[in-house]
Amino acid sequence: MAVDYSIIGHRLKNARLDAGLTQQELAEKTNLSVAFISRVERGNSHINLKRLTQFCNLLGISEGEILTGVSDSDQEYLFTEFNEILKNCSPEKQKLIYKIAKMIAED
């Protein structure tokens, strides 16, 4: 699965705006240039995990939410994740996953 940096950049921009920060303010807090932050938000520059974590900590958002678009504080996020996993499995694997999950839930 290829990483779509334009989507990540869009989510970072929205998180920055939600936090009430300008690109200039975020640049000052991270010791980066406004130009770099602008390129990241447009998806023109790749962001590594260390830098992503730094941004997320400053913006009060999880890395998972930036990468997947799903908030881990949302009660429904696991349903979405499980559905994605199951969708990509054969019927036999789906049955196995179901049996394992059922055994764990009954324990």
N, C-alpha and C. Protein backbone atom coordinates (compact mmCIF):
# COMPACT_ATOMS: atom_id res chain seq x y z
N MET A 1 0.85 -1.18 0.00
CA MET A 1 0.00 0.00 0.00
C MET A 1 0.89 1.24 0.00
N ALA A 2 0.75 2.09 -0.97
CA ALA A 2 1.55 3.30 -1.10
C ALA A 2 1.02 4.38 -0.15
N VAL A 3 1.94 5.16 0.36
CA VAL A 3 1.58 6.26 1.25
C VAL A 3 1.19 7.45 0.39
N ASP A 4 0.04 8.02 0.66
CA ASP A 4 -0.42 9.20 -0.05
C ASP A 4 -0.09 10.43 0.79
N TYR A 5 1.02 11.07 0.49
CA TYR A 5 1.48 12.20 1.29
C TYR A 5 0.58 13.42 1.16
N SER A 6 -0.19 13.51 0.09
CA SER A 6 -1.10 14.66 -0.02
C SER A 6 -2.24 14.53 0.99
N ILE A 7 -2.70 13.31 1.25
CA ILE A 7 -3.75 13.12 2.25
C ILE A 7 -3.20 13.38 3.64
N ILE A 8 -1.99 12.87 3.91
CA ILE A 8 -1.35 13.11 5.21
C ILE A 8 -1.16 14.61 5.41
N GLY A 9 -0.69 15.29 4.38
CA GLY A 9 -0.49 16.73 4.46
C GLY A 9 -1.79 17.48 4.72
N HIS A 10 -2.85 17.05 4.06
CA HIS A 10 -4.17 17.68 4.26
C HIS A 10 -4.63 17.50 5.70
N ARG A 11 -4.45 16.30 6.24
CA ARG A 11 -4.85 16.03 7.63
C ARG A 11 -4.00 16.85 8.60
N LEU A 12 -2.70 16.96 8.32
CA LEU A 12 -1.84 17.79 9.17
C LEU A 12 -2.26 19.25 9.13
N LYS A 13 -2.59 19.73 7.96
CA LYS A 13 -3.04 21.12 7.84
C LYS A 13 -4.31 21.34 8.64
N ASN A 14 -5.27 20.41 8.52
CA ASN A 14 -6.51 20.55 9.28
C ASN A 14 -6.24 20.51 10.78
N ALA A 15 -5.34 19.64 11.22
CA ALA A 15 -4.99 19.55 12.64
C ALA A 15 -4.34 20.85 13.11
N ARG A 16 -3.48 21.41 12.27
CA ARG A 16 -2.83 22.68 12.61
C ARG A 16 -3.85 23.80 12.74
N LEU A 17 -4.78 23.85 11.80
CA LEU A 17 -5.83 24.88 11.85
C LEU A 17 -6.73 24.67 13.06
N ASP A 18 -7.08 23.42 13.36
CA ASP A 18 -7.90 23.12 14.53
C ASP A 18 -7.19 23.53 15.83
N ALA A 19 -5.86 23.44 15.83
CA ALA A 19 -5.07 23.84 17.00
C ALA A 19 -4.89 25.36 17.06
N GLY A 20 -5.35 26.05 16.01
CA GLY A 20 -5.26 27.51 15.98
C GLY A 20 -3.85 28.03 15.72
N LEU A 21 -3.05 27.24 15.01
CA LEU A 21 -1.68 27.66 14.71
C LEU A 21 -1.54 28.03 13.24
N THR A 22 -0.69 29.01 13.00
CA THR A 22 -0.33 29.34 11.62
C THR A 22 0.88 28.47 11.24
N GLN A 23 1.18 28.44 9.96
CA GLN A 23 2.38 27.73 9.53
C GLN A 23 3.62 28.35 10.18
N GLN A 24 3.62 29.66 10.32
CA GLN A 24 4.74 30.36 10.94
C GLN A 24 4.92 29.91 12.39
N GLU A 25 3.83 29.82 13.13
CA GLU A 25 3.92 29.40 14.53
C GLU A 25 4.39 27.96 14.66
N LEU A 26 3.89 27.09 13.78
CA LEU A 26 4.33 25.70 13.81
C LEU A 26 5.81 25.60 13.42
N ALA A 27 6.22 26.40 12.47
CA ALA A 27 7.63 26.42 12.07
C ALA A 27 8.52 26.83 13.24
N GLU A 28 8.10 27.82 13.99
CA GLU A 28 8.90 28.28 15.13
C GLU A 28 8.98 27.21 16.22
N LYS A 29 7.87 26.50 16.45
CA LYS A 29 7.84 25.47 17.49
C LYS A 29 8.65 24.23 17.11
N THR A 30 8.85 24.01 15.82
CA THR A 30 9.55 22.81 15.36
C THR A 30 10.95 23.10 14.81
N ASN A 31 11.33 24.37 14.78
CA ASN A 31 12.62 24.79 14.20
C ASN A 31 12.73 24.36 12.74
N LEU A 32 11.62 24.45 12.04
CA LEU A 32 11.59 24.15 10.60
C LEU A 32 11.21 25.41 9.85
N SER A 33 11.36 25.37 8.55
CA SER A 33 10.98 26.54 7.74
C SER A 33 9.49 26.47 7.40
N VAL A 34 8.93 27.62 7.20
CA VAL A 34 7.53 27.70 6.75
C VAL A 34 7.40 27.01 5.40
N ALA A 35 8.42 27.15 4.56
CA ALA A 35 8.37 26.53 3.24
C ALA A 35 8.27 25.00 3.35
N PHE A 36 9.03 24.42 4.29
CA PHE A 36 8.96 22.96 4.46
C PHE A 36 7.57 22.54 4.94
N ILE A 37 7.04 23.24 5.92
CA ILE A 37 5.70 22.91 6.43
C ILE A 37 4.67 23.04 5.32
N SER A 38 4.79 24.07 4.51
CA SER A 38 3.89 24.26 3.39
C SER A 38 3.99 23.09 2.41
N ARG A 39 5.21 22.66 2.10
CA ARG A 39 5.39 21.52 1.17
C ARG A 39 4.81 20.24 1.75
N VAL A 40 4.99 20.03 3.06
CA VAL A 40 4.42 18.83 3.71
C VAL A 40 2.89 18.87 3.63
N GLU A 41 2.31 20.02 3.92
CA GLU A 41 0.85 20.14 3.90
C GLU A 41 0.28 19.96 2.49
N ARG A 42 1.04 20.29 1.48
CA ARG A 42 0.60 20.10 0.09
C ARG A 42 0.92 18.70 -0.42
N GLY A 43 1.69 17.93 0.36
CA GLY A 43 2.06 16.59 -0.05
C GLY A 43 3.26 16.56 -0.97
N ASN A 44 3.97 17.68 -1.08
CA ASN A 44 5.13 17.76 -1.96
C ASN A 44 6.42 17.31 -1.29
N SER A 45 6.42 17.25 0.03
CA SER A 45 7.58 16.74 0.78
C SER A 45 7.12 15.61 1.67
N HIS A 46 7.95 14.60 1.76
CA HIS A 46 7.64 13.47 2.62
C HIS A 46 8.01 13.81 4.05
N ILE A 47 7.29 13.25 4.99
CA ILE A 47 7.55 13.48 6.39
C ILE A 47 7.90 12.14 7.03
N ASN A 48 8.98 12.10 7.81
CA ASN A 48 9.36 10.85 8.46
C ASN A 48 8.59 10.69 9.78
N LEU A 49 8.66 9.51 10.36
CA LEU A 49 7.87 9.23 11.55
C LEU A 49 8.28 10.08 12.74
N LYS A 50 9.56 10.36 12.86
CA LYS A 50 10.03 11.20 13.97
C LYS A 50 9.42 12.59 13.88
N ARG A 51 9.44 13.16 12.69
CA ARG A 51 8.88 14.50 12.49
C ARG A 51 7.35 14.46 12.63
N LEU A 52 6.72 13.41 12.13
CA LEU A 52 5.27 13.26 12.27
C LEU A 52 4.88 13.24 13.74
N THR A 53 5.63 12.48 14.54
CA THR A 53 5.36 12.42 15.97
C THR A 53 5.51 13.78 16.62
N GLN A 54 6.53 14.51 16.22
CA GLN A 54 6.73 15.87 16.74
C GLN A 54 5.53 16.75 16.42
N PHE A 55 5.09 16.73 15.17
CA PHE A 55 3.93 17.53 14.77
C PHE A 55 2.69 17.12 15.58
N CYS A 56 2.47 15.82 15.66
CA CYS A 56 1.27 15.32 16.34
C CYS A 56 1.25 15.72 17.81
N ASN A 57 2.40 15.64 18.47
CA ASN A 57 2.46 16.05 19.87
C ASN A 57 2.12 17.53 20.03
N LEU A 58 2.62 18.34 19.13
CA LEU A 58 2.33 19.78 19.19
C LEU A 58 0.87 20.09 18.86
N LEU A 59 0.29 19.30 17.97
CA LEU A 59 -1.07 19.57 17.50
C LEU A 59 -2.14 18.83 18.31
N GLY A 60 -1.71 17.96 19.21
CA GLY A 60 -2.67 17.24 20.06
C GLY A 60 -3.49 16.22 19.30
N ILE A 61 -2.86 15.51 18.40
CA ILE A 61 -3.54 14.50 17.59
C ILE A 61 -2.65 13.27 17.50
N SER A 62 -3.23 12.11 17.32
CA SER A 62 -2.42 10.89 17.25
C SER A 62 -1.87 10.69 15.85
N GLU A 63 -0.75 10.00 15.79
CA GLU A 63 -0.16 9.66 14.50
C GLU A 63 -1.12 8.79 13.70
N GLY A 64 -1.80 7.88 14.39
CA GLY A 64 -2.76 7.00 13.73
C GLY A 64 -3.86 7.77 13.04
N GLU A 65 -4.33 8.82 13.69
CA GLU A 65 -5.39 9.62 13.08
C GLU A 65 -4.90 10.35 11.83
N ILE A 66 -3.66 10.82 11.86
CA ILE A 66 -3.09 11.47 10.67
C ILE A 66 -2.89 10.45 9.55
N LEU A 67 -2.41 9.27 9.89
CA LEU A 67 -2.11 8.27 8.86
C LEU A 67 -3.35 7.59 8.31
N THR A 68 -4.34 7.35 9.16
CA THR A 68 -5.52 6.59 8.72
C THR A 68 -6.78 7.42 8.57
N GLY A 69 -6.80 8.58 9.21
CA GLY A 69 -8.01 9.40 9.18
C GLY A 69 -9.04 8.96 10.19
N VAL A 70 -8.68 8.00 11.04
CA VAL A 70 -9.61 7.47 12.04
C VAL A 70 -9.08 7.80 13.41
N SER A 71 -9.91 8.42 14.24
CA SER A 71 -9.51 8.78 15.58
C SER A 71 -9.59 7.57 16.50
N ASP A 72 -8.51 7.32 17.25
CA ASP A 72 -8.55 6.20 18.19
C ASP A 72 -9.36 6.52 19.44
N SER A 73 -9.83 7.76 19.57
CA SER A 73 -10.73 8.08 20.67
C SER A 73 -12.19 7.85 20.29
N ASP A 74 -12.42 7.61 19.02
CA ASP A 74 -13.76 7.30 18.51
C ASP A 74 -14.12 5.88 18.89
N GLN A 75 -15.29 5.70 19.48
CA GLN A 75 -15.74 4.38 19.92
C GLN A 75 -15.83 3.38 18.77
N GLU A 76 -16.01 3.85 17.57
CA GLU A 76 -16.23 2.98 16.42
C GLU A 76 -14.97 2.65 15.63
N TYR A 77 -13.83 3.20 16.03
CA TYR A 77 -12.65 3.05 15.18
C TYR A 77 -12.23 1.60 14.99
N LEU A 78 -12.38 0.76 16.01
CA LEU A 78 -11.97 -0.64 15.85
C LEU A 78 -12.86 -1.39 14.88
N PHE A 79 -14.14 -1.03 14.83
CA PHE A 79 -15.03 -1.67 13.87
C PHE A 79 -14.55 -1.40 12.45
N THR A 80 -14.16 -0.19 12.19
CA THR A 80 -13.65 0.17 10.87
C THR A 80 -12.38 -0.60 10.56
N GLU A 81 -11.48 -0.66 11.53
CA GLU A 81 -10.22 -1.36 11.33
C GLU A 81 -10.45 -2.86 11.09
N PHE A 82 -11.32 -3.48 11.91
CA PHE A 82 -11.62 -4.90 11.74
C PHE A 82 -12.27 -5.17 10.38
N ASN A 83 -13.17 -4.30 9.98
CA ASN A 83 -13.82 -4.49 8.68
C ASN A 83 -12.80 -4.45 7.55
N GLU A 84 -11.83 -3.56 7.64
CA GLU A 84 -10.79 -3.48 6.62
C GLU A 84 -9.95 -4.76 6.59
N ILE A 85 -9.61 -5.26 7.78
CA ILE A 85 -8.84 -6.50 7.85
C ILE A 85 -9.63 -7.65 7.25
N LEU A 86 -10.88 -7.77 7.67
CA LEU A 86 -11.71 -8.89 7.20
C LEU A 86 -11.97 -8.83 5.70
N LYS A 87 -12.15 -7.63 5.20
CA LYS A 87 -12.43 -7.45 3.78
C LYS A 87 -11.31 -8.01 2.91
N ASN A 88 -10.08 -7.95 3.44
CA ASN A 88 -8.92 -8.40 2.67
C ASN A 88 -8.56 -9.86 2.92
N CYS A 89 -9.38 -10.58 3.68
CA CYS A 89 -9.10 -11.99 3.99
C CYS A 89 -10.02 -12.92 3.21
N SER A 90 -9.53 -14.11 2.99
CA SER A 90 -10.36 -15.15 2.37
C SER A 90 -11.46 -15.55 3.35
N PRO A 91 -12.54 -16.16 2.85
CA PRO A 91 -13.60 -16.62 3.76
C PRO A 91 -13.09 -17.57 4.85
N GLU A 92 -12.12 -18.39 4.51
CA GLU A 92 -11.56 -19.31 5.51
C GLU A 92 -10.86 -18.55 6.63
N LYS A 93 -10.08 -17.55 6.25
CA LYS A 93 -9.40 -16.74 7.26
C LYS A 93 -10.40 -15.93 8.09
N GLN A 94 -11.46 -15.46 7.45
CA GLN A 94 -12.49 -14.72 8.18
C GLN A 94 -13.11 -15.60 9.27
N LYS A 95 -13.38 -16.87 8.92
CA LYS A 95 -13.94 -17.80 9.90
C LYS A 95 -12.97 -18.03 11.05
N LEU A 96 -11.70 -18.17 10.74
CA LEU A 96 -10.68 -18.38 11.77
C LEU A 96 -10.61 -17.17 12.70
N ILE A 97 -10.59 -15.99 12.13
CA ILE A 97 -10.55 -14.77 12.93
C ILE A 97 -11.78 -14.69 13.82
N TYR A 98 -12.93 -15.03 13.27
CA TYR A 98 -14.17 -15.02 14.05
C TYR A 98 -14.08 -15.98 15.23
N LYS A 99 -13.60 -17.20 14.98
CA LYS A 99 -13.50 -18.20 16.05
C LYS A 99 -12.54 -17.72 17.15
N ILE A 100 -11.42 -17.18 16.76
CA ILE A 100 -10.45 -16.69 17.74
C ILE A 100 -11.05 -15.54 18.55
N ALA A 101 -11.68 -14.59 17.86
CA ALA A 101 -12.28 -13.45 18.55
C ALA A 101 -13.37 -13.91 19.51
N LYS A 102 -14.17 -14.87 19.08
CA LYS A 102 -15.25 -15.38 19.93
C LYS A 102 -14.67 -16.04 21.18
N MET A 103 -13.59 -16.82 21.03
CA MET A 103 -12.97 -17.48 22.18
C MET A 103 -12.42 -16.42 23.16
N ILE A 104 -11.81 -15.40 22.65
CA ILE A 104 -11.27 -14.34 23.50
C ILE A 104 -12.40 -13.60 24.23
N ALA A 105 -13.46 -13.30 23.51
CA ALA A 105 -14.59 -12.56 24.10
C ALA A 105 -15.29 -13.36 25.18
N GLU A 106 -15.33 -14.68 25.03
CA GLU A 106 -16.02 -15.52 26.00
C GLU A 106 -15.17 -15.79 27.23
N ASP A 107 -13.90 -15.52 27.15
CA ASP A 107 -12.97 -15.81 28.24
C ASP A 107 -13.15 -14.89 29.42
